[in-house]
Amino acid sequence: MKLDSKYFDRIRTRRKREQDAAPQTPTCQWDGCDKPGVHRAPVGRNAENQFFLFCFEHVKEYNKGYNYFSGLSDSEIARYQKEAITGHRPTWTIGVNKAAKDAPRHASTRSGSAASFNRVKDPFGFVREGGAAAGTQTAVRKVKTLEAKAFDTMGLTAAATAAEIKSRYKELVKKHHPDANGGDRGSEERFRAVIQAYQLLKQSGFC
């Protein structure tokens, strides 16, 4: 083939693809630090999807002083913990059939009474063996697993009275409040656990 052939003019060479620029690592957002910021740290409450970028040393320093509940009062923290049980979704009281609610038997019969046991199908006599059929003993409330755990968190037994639960709650909140422990994360976790345990017992009718 001749060098001046017309076919040479039709040949197109592919340009070399420009090399992609190497991704740049962000710089640590700690004031005065120029190390790579590869560790994320939460900005705070009401900024759930926003993060700071720090180096390893400064993300540890930031986490030591981080307090999600900073600026909230005790009542606001308690309200947050209560709403957290249901994932901060609205809840409604379970309705009751009006005709059944207004019926005399519904109004006069209490749980654990002899009349209420007579309405339960008990072919093997398990309920009556507890003594309720004789009308001389009151049915003892069975503590659920979460309720038992809440009592354990509070350092109480299931036999504790409402006054004892409230007194213990005030004592533990005062003891483990982050402001009283220099922002200690361990104390903060304990503080949240006590609030959640108290709210659970309160919703269950123990106090």
C-alpha atoms as a PDB file:
ATOM      1  CA  MET A   1       0.000   0.000   0.000  1.00  0.00           C
ATOM      2  CA  LYS A   2       1.292   3.410  -0.914  1.00  0.00           C
ATOM      3  CA  LEU A   3       1.844   5.996   1.778  1.00  0.00           C
ATOM      4  CA  ASP A   4      -0.148   8.545  -0.173  1.00  0.00           C
ATOM      5  CA  SER A   5      -3.087   6.208  -0.520  1.00  0.00           C
ATOM      6  CA  LYS A   6      -6.532   7.641   0.089  1.00  0.00           C
ATOM      7  CA  TYR A   7      -7.182   4.889   2.647  1.00  0.00           C
ATOM      8  CA  PHE A   8      -4.714   6.448   5.098  1.00  0.00           C
ATOM      9  CA  ASP A   9      -6.942   9.504   5.322  1.00  0.00           C
ATOM     10  CA  ARG A  10      -9.854   7.351   6.475  1.00  0.00           C
ATOM     11  CA  ILE A  11      -7.987   5.752   9.336  1.00  0.00           C
ATOM     12  CA  ARG A  12      -8.754   7.408  12.642  1.00  0.00           C
ATOM     13  CA  THR A  13      -6.756   6.722  15.737  1.00  0.00           C
ATOM     14  CA  ARG A  14      -8.391   6.628  19.131  1.00  0.00           C
ATOM     15  CA  ARG A  15      -7.167   9.268  21.516  1.00  0.00           C
ATOM     16  CA  LYS A  16      -5.704   8.051  24.735  1.00  0.00           C
ATOM     17  CA  ARG A  17      -8.242   8.328  27.503  1.00  0.00           C
ATOM     18  CA  GLU A  18      -7.229  10.909  29.972  1.00  0.00           C
ATOM     19  CA  GLN A  19      -6.390   9.350  33.263  1.00  0.00           C
ATOM     20  CA  ASP A  20      -9.037   9.933  35.871  1.00  0.00           C
ATOM     21  CA  ALA A  21      -7.942  12.303  38.537  1.00  0.00           C
ATOM     22  CA  ALA A  22      -7.175  10.509  41.760  1.00  0.00           C
ATOM     23  CA  PRO A  23      -9.912  11.106  44.378  1.00  0.00           C
ATOM     24  CA  GLN A  24      -8.853  13.617  46.976  1.00  0.00           C
ATOM     25  CA  THR A  25      -9.184  12.690  50.640  1.00  0.00           C
ATOM     26  CA  PRO A  26     -10.925  15.428  52.663  1.00  0.00           C
ATOM     27  CA  THR A  27      -8.901  17.192  55.324  1.00  0.00           C
ATOM     28  CA  CYS A  28      -9.707  16.775  59.009  1.00  0.00           C
ATOM     29  CA  GLN A  29     -12.206  19.450  60.098  1.00  0.00           C
ATOM     30  CA  TRP A  30     -10.553  19.877  63.496  1.00  0.00           C
ATOM     31  CA  ASP A  31      -9.196  23.400  63.787  1.00  0.00           C
ATOM     32  CA  GLY A  32      -5.503  23.479  62.914  1.00  0.00           C
ATOM     33  CA  CYS A  33      -5.277  19.839  61.730  1.00  0.00           C
ATOM     34  CA  ASP A  34      -4.281  18.991  58.156  1.00  0.00           C
ATOM     35  CA  LYS A  35      -4.419  15.200  58.405  1.00  0.00           C
ATOM     36  CA  PRO A  36      -6.850  13.206  56.215  1.00  0.00           C
ATOM     37  CA  GLY A  37     -10.387  13.281  57.603  1.00  0.00           C
ATOM     38  CA  VAL A  38     -11.665   9.765  56.976  1.00  0.00           C
ATOM     39  CA  HIS A  39     -13.696   9.182  60.166  1.00  0.00           C
ATOM     40  CA  ARG A  40     -17.268  10.444  60.451  1.00  0.00           C
ATOM     41  CA  ALA A  41     -18.699  11.985  63.634  1.00  0.00           C
ATOM     42  CA  PRO A  42     -22.346  13.025  64.138  1.00  0.00           C
ATOM     43  CA  VAL A  43     -23.095  16.755  64.038  1.00  0.00           C
ATOM     44  CA  GLY A  44     -25.767  16.480  66.720  1.00  0.00           C
ATOM     45  CA  ARG A  45     -29.483  16.409  67.428  1.00  0.00           C
ATOM     46  CA  ASN A  46     -31.764  17.574  64.576  1.00  0.00           C
ATOM     47  CA  ALA A  47     -28.936  16.909  62.091  1.00  0.00           C
ATOM     48  CA  GLU A  48     -29.221  13.135  61.900  1.00  0.00           C
ATOM     49  CA  ASN A  49     -27.719  12.722  58.409  1.00  0.00           C
ATOM     50  CA  GLN A  50     -24.913  15.249  58.749  1.00  0.00           C
ATOM     51  CA  PHE A  51     -21.389  14.381  59.851  1.00  0.00           C
ATOM     52  CA  PHE A  52     -18.042  15.975  60.610  1.00  0.00           C
ATOM     53  CA  LEU A  53     -14.917  14.423  59.094  1.00  0.00           C
ATOM     54  CA  PHE A  54     -11.980  13.987  61.459  1.00  0.00           C
ATOM     55  CA  CYS A  55      -8.717  12.102  61.616  1.00  0.00           C
ATOM     56  CA  PHE A  56      -8.501   9.156  64.009  1.00  0.00           C
ATOM     57  CA  GLU A  57      -7.087  11.138  66.947  1.00  0.00           C
ATOM     58  CA  HIS A  58      -9.579  13.976  66.703  1.00  0.00           C
ATOM     59  CA  VAL A  59     -12.636  11.778  66.177  1.00  0.00           C
ATOM     60  CA  LYS A  60     -11.790  10.102  69.489  1.00  0.00           C
ATOM     61  CA  GLU A  61     -11.429  13.508  71.141  1.00  0.00           C
ATOM     62  CA  TYR A  62     -14.740  14.673  69.673  1.00  0.00           C
ATOM     63  CA  ASN A  63     -16.608  11.557  70.808  1.00  0.00           C
ATOM     64  CA  LYS A  64     -15.415  11.983  74.391  1.00  0.00           C
ATOM     65  CA  GLY A  65     -17.301  15.254  74.739  1.00  0.00           C
ATOM     66  CA  TYR A  66     -20.246  14.424  72.491  1.00  0.00           C
ATOM     67  CA  ASN A  67     -23.635  14.583  74.236  1.00  0.00           C
ATOM     68  CA  TYR A  68     -26.734  13.968  72.154  1.00  0.00           C
ATOM     69  CA  PHE A  69     -28.970  15.429  74.890  1.00  0.00           C
ATOM     70  CA  SER A  70     -26.948  18.600  75.374  1.00  0.00           C
ATOM     71  CA  GLY A  71     -29.197  21.602  75.991  1.00  0.00           C
ATOM     72  CA  LEU A  72     -32.278  19.568  76.980  1.00  0.00           C
ATOM     73  CA  SER A  73     -33.956  19.655  80.371  1.00  0.00           C
ATOM     74  CA  ASP A  74     -34.697  16.506  82.368  1.00  0.00           C
ATOM     75  CA  SER A  75     -38.353  16.609  81.324  1.00  0.00           C
ATOM     76  CA  GLU A  76     -37.409  16.934  77.648  1.00  0.00           C
ATOM     77  CA  ILE A  77     -34.994  14.010  77.936  1.00  0.00           C
ATOM     78  CA  ALA A  78     -37.690  11.903  79.619  1.00  0.00           C
ATOM     79  CA  ARG A  79     -40.145  12.779  76.856  1.00  0.00           C
ATOM     80  CA  TYR A  80     -37.588  11.829  74.185  1.00  0.00           C
ATOM     81  CA  GLN A  81     -36.956   8.469  75.865  1.00  0.00           C
ATOM     82  CA  LYS A  82     -40.690   7.798  76.091  1.00  0.00           C
ATOM     83  CA  GLU A  83     -41.214   8.566  72.397  1.00  0.00           C
ATOM     84  CA  ALA A  84     -38.153   6.468  71.476  1.00  0.00           C
ATOM     85  CA  ILE A  85     -39.967   3.332  72.698  1.00  0.00           C
ATOM     86  CA  THR A  86     -42.392   3.669  69.770  1.00  0.00           C
ATOM     87  CA  GLY A  87     -39.800   4.956  67.310  1.00  0.00           C
ATOM     88  CA  HIS A  88     -41.095   8.547  67.731  1.00  0.00           C
ATOM     89  CA  ARG A  89     -44.320   7.590  65.986  1.00  0.00           C
ATOM     90  CA  PRO A  90     -47.725   8.756  67.279  1.00  0.00           C
ATOM     91  CA  THR A  91     -49.732   6.250  69.314  1.00  0.00           C
ATOM     92  CA  TRP A  92     -53.374   5.992  70.266  1.00  0.00           C
ATOM     93  CA  THR A  93     -55.170   4.347  73.173  1.00  0.00           C
ATOM     94  CA  ILE A  94     -56.730   1.057  72.136  1.00  0.00           C
ATOM     95  CA  GLY A  95     -60.471   1.574  71.824  1.00  0.00           C
ATOM     96  CA  VAL A  96     -63.126  -0.427  73.658  1.00  0.00           C
ATOM     97  CA  ASN A  97     -66.569  -1.329  72.377  1.00  0.00           C
ATOM     98  CA  LYS A  98     -68.904   1.295  73.881  1.00  0.00           C
ATOM     99  CA  ALA A  99     -71.679  -1.184  74.617  1.00  0.00           C
ATOM    100  CA  ALA A 100     -69.270  -3.446  76.467  1.00  0.00           C
ATOM    101  CA  LYS A 101     -67.686  -0.517  78.281  1.00  0.00           C
ATOM    102  CA  ASP A 102     -71.001   0.783  79.590  1.00  0.00           C
ATOM    103  CA  ALA A 103     -72.290  -2.651  80.595  1.00  0.00           C
ATOM    104  CA  PRO A 104     -72.753  -3.057  84.384  1.00  0.00           C
ATOM    105  CA  ARG A 105     -70.735  -6.256  84.469  1.00  0.00           C
ATOM    106  CA  HIS A 106     -67.774  -4.532  82.831  1.00  0.00           C
ATOM    107  CA  ALA A 107     -67.902  -1.666  85.290  1.00  0.00           C
ATOM    108  CA  SER A 108     -68.243  -3.762  88.441  1.00  0.00           C
ATOM    109  CA  THR A 109     -65.991  -6.726  87.630  1.00  0.00           C
ATOM    110  CA  ARG A 110     -62.291  -6.326  88.328  1.00  0.00           C
ATOM    111  CA  SER A 111     -59.433  -8.435  87.063  1.00  0.00           C
ATOM    112  CA  GLY A 112     -58.674 -11.228  89.512  1.00  0.00           C
ATOM    113  CA  SER A 113     -62.167 -11.370  91.052  1.00  0.00           C
ATOM    114  CA  ALA A 114     -64.172 -14.580  91.294  1.00  0.00           C
ATOM    115  CA  ALA A 115     -66.668 -13.339  88.701  1.00  0.00           C
ATOM    116  CA  SER A 116     -63.933 -12.761  86.148  1.00  0.00           C
ATOM    117  CA  PHE A 117     -62.562 -16.288  86.656  1.00  0.00           C
ATOM    118  CA  ASN A 118     -66.049 -17.700  86.064  1.00  0.00           C
ATOM    119  CA  ARG A 119     -65.975 -16.169  82.588  1.00  0.00           C
ATOM    120  CA  VAL A 120     -62.720 -17.947  81.661  1.00  0.00           C
ATOM    121  CA  LYS A 121     -62.836 -21.347  79.994  1.00  0.00           C
ATOM    122  CA  ASP A 122     -60.752 -23.522  82.310  1.00  0.00           C
ATOM    123  CA  PRO A 123     -61.446 -27.216  81.532  1.00  0.00           C
ATOM    124  CA  PHE A 124     -58.362 -28.406  83.451  1.00  0.00           C
ATOM    125  CA  GLY A 125     -58.848 -26.213  86.511  1.00  0.00           C
ATOM    126  CA  PHE A 126     -55.509 -24.417  86.271  1.00  0.00           C
ATOM    127  CA  VAL A 127     -56.995 -21.018  87.116  1.00  0.00           C
ATOM    128  CA  ARG A 128     -59.068 -22.267  90.021  1.00  0.00           C
ATOM    129  CA  GLU A 129     -56.130 -24.115  91.537  1.00  0.00           C
ATOM    130  CA  GLY A 130     -54.544 -20.728  92.154  1.00  0.00           C
ATOM    131  CA  GLY A 131     -57.156 -20.049  94.837  1.00  0.00           C
ATOM    132  CA  ALA A 132     -59.093 -17.370  92.959  1.00  0.00           C
ATOM    133  CA  ALA A 133     -62.198 -19.579  92.697  1.00  0.00           C
ATOM    134  CA  ALA A 134     -62.483 -19.673  96.460  1.00  0.00           C
ATOM    135  CA  GLY A 135     -62.670 -15.889  96.507  1.00  0.00           C
ATOM    136  CA  THR A 136     -60.099 -15.606  99.286  1.00  0.00           C
ATOM    137  CA  GLN A 137     -56.978 -14.709  97.241  1.00  0.00           C
ATOM    138  CA  THR A 138     -56.211 -11.984  94.745  1.00  0.00           C
ATOM    139  CA  ALA A 139     -54.499 -12.898  91.481  1.00  0.00           C
ATOM    140  CA  VAL A 140     -50.839 -11.814  91.543  1.00  0.00           C
ATOM    141  CA  ARG A 141     -49.706  -9.817  88.538  1.00  0.00           C
ATOM    142  CA  LYS A 142     -47.090 -11.627  86.478  1.00  0.00           C
ATOM    143  CA  VAL A 143     -44.090  -9.468  85.608  1.00  0.00           C
ATOM    144  CA  LYS A 144     -43.102  -9.546  81.935  1.00  0.00           C
ATOM    145  CA  THR A 145     -39.535  -9.925  80.746  1.00  0.00           C
ATOM    146  CA  LEU A 146     -39.014  -6.251  79.877  1.00  0.00           C
ATOM    147  CA  GLU A 147     -40.634  -5.183  83.137  1.00  0.00           C
ATOM    148  CA  ALA A 148     -38.341  -7.499  85.124  1.00  0.00           C
ATOM    149  CA  LYS A 149     -35.347  -6.049  83.281  1.00  0.00           C
ATOM    150  CA  ALA A 150     -36.547  -2.536  84.084  1.00  0.00           C
ATOM    151  CA  PHE A 151     -36.795  -3.398  87.799  1.00  0.00           C
ATOM    152  CA  ASP A 152     -33.277  -4.824  87.634  1.00  0.00           C
ATOM    153  CA  THR A 153     -31.973  -1.658  85.974  1.00  0.00           C
ATOM    154  CA  MET A 154     -33.522   0.388  88.767  1.00  0.00           C
ATOM    155  CA  GLY A 155     -32.046  -1.953  91.380  1.00  0.00           C
ATOM    156  CA  LEU A 156     -35.491  -2.892  92.688  1.00  0.00           C
ATOM    157  CA  THR A 157     -37.648  -5.985  92.987  1.00  0.00           C
ATOM    158  CA  ALA A 158     -41.068  -6.456  91.429  1.00  0.00           C
ATOM    159  CA  ALA A 159     -42.605  -5.961  94.878  1.00  0.00           C
ATOM    160  CA  ALA A 160     -41.455  -2.318  95.016  1.00  0.00           C
ATOM    161  CA  THR A 161     -44.181   0.264  95.580  1.00  0.00           C
ATOM    162  CA  ALA A 162     -44.847   3.262  93.326  1.00  0.00           C
ATOM    163  CA  ALA A 163     -43.273   5.580  95.899  1.00  0.00           C
ATOM    164  CA  GLU A 164     -40.124   3.423  96.067  1.00  0.00           C
ATOM    165  CA  ILE A 165     -39.821   3.373  92.272  1.00  0.00           C
ATOM    166  CA  LYS A 166     -40.145   7.163  91.999  1.00  0.00           C
ATOM    167  CA  SER A 167     -37.697   7.742  94.827  1.00  0.00           C
ATOM    168  CA  ARG A 168     -35.160   5.374  93.285  1.00  0.00           C
ATOM    169  CA  TYR A 169     -35.599   7.001  89.876  1.00  0.00           C
ATOM    170  CA  LYS A 170     -34.833  10.497  91.232  1.00  0.00           C
ATOM    171  CA  GLU A 171     -31.802   9.140  93.056  1.00  0.00           C
ATOM    172  CA  LEU A 172     -30.350   7.413  89.958  1.00  0.00           C
ATOM    173  CA  VAL A 173     -31.026  10.343  87.611  1.00  0.00           C
ATOM    174  CA  LYS A 174     -29.229  12.707  89.951  1.00  0.00           C
ATOM    175  CA  LYS A 175     -26.334  10.259  90.328  1.00  0.00           C
ATOM    176  CA  HIS A 176     -25.792   9.430  86.637  1.00  0.00           C
ATOM    177  CA  HIS A 177     -26.650  12.770  85.010  1.00  0.00           C
ATOM    178  CA  PRO A 178     -23.868  13.645  82.485  1.00  0.00           C
ATOM    179  CA  ASP A 179     -23.392  17.089  84.023  1.00  0.00           C
ATOM    180  CA  ALA A 180     -22.603  15.457  87.351  1.00  0.00           C
ATOM    181  CA  ASN A 181     -20.032  13.090  85.825  1.00  0.00           C
ATOM    182  CA  GLY A 182     -18.007  15.341  83.549  1.00  0.00           C
ATOM    183  CA  GLY A 183     -19.600  14.005  80.354  1.00  0.00           C
ATOM    184  CA  ASP A 184     -18.557  10.404  81.053  1.00  0.00           C
ATOM    185  CA  ARG A 185     -20.022   8.241  78.252  1.00  0.00           C
ATOM    186  CA  GLY A 186     -20.482   5.256  80.568  1.00  0.00           C
ATOM    187  CA  SER A 187     -22.521   7.350  82.958  1.00  0.00           C
ATOM    188  CA  GLU A 188     -24.526   8.732  80.022  1.00  0.00           C
ATOM    189  CA  GLU A 189     -25.493   5.221  78.878  1.00  0.00           C
ATOM    190  CA  ARG A 190     -26.547   4.346  82.420  1.00  0.00           C
ATOM    191  CA  PHE A 191     -28.531   7.593  82.610  1.00  0.00           C
ATOM    192  CA  ARG A 192     -30.495   6.745  79.452  1.00  0.00           C
ATOM    193  CA  ALA A 193     -31.112   3.175  80.632  1.00  0.00           C
ATOM    194  CA  VAL A 194     -32.595   4.410  83.933  1.00  0.00           C
ATOM    195  CA  ILE A 195     -34.924   6.861  82.156  1.00  0.00           C
ATOM    196  CA  GLN A 196     -36.119   4.192  79.735  1.00  0.00           C
ATOM    197  CA  ALA A 197     -36.674   1.684  82.557  1.00  0.00           C
ATOM    198  CA  TYR A 198     -38.703   4.192  84.562  1.00  0.00           C
ATOM    199  CA  GLN A 199     -40.855   5.137  81.566  1.00  0.00           C
ATOM    200  CA  LEU A 200     -41.564   1.455  80.894  1.00  0.00           C
ATOM    201  CA  LEU A 201     -42.634   0.833  84.495  1.00  0.00           C
ATOM    202  CA  LYS A 202     -44.758   3.965  84.436  1.00  0.00           C
ATOM    203  CA  GLN A 203     -46.531   2.922  81.230  1.00  0.00           C
ATOM    204  CA  SER A 204     -47.097  -0.535  82.706  1.00  0.00           C
ATOM    205  CA  GLY A 205     -48.853   0.974  85.726  1.00  0.00           C
ATOM    206  CA  PHE A 206     -46.263   0.208  88.407  1.00  0.00           C
ATOM    207  CA  CYS A 207     -45.874   3.860  89.355  1.00  0.00           C
END
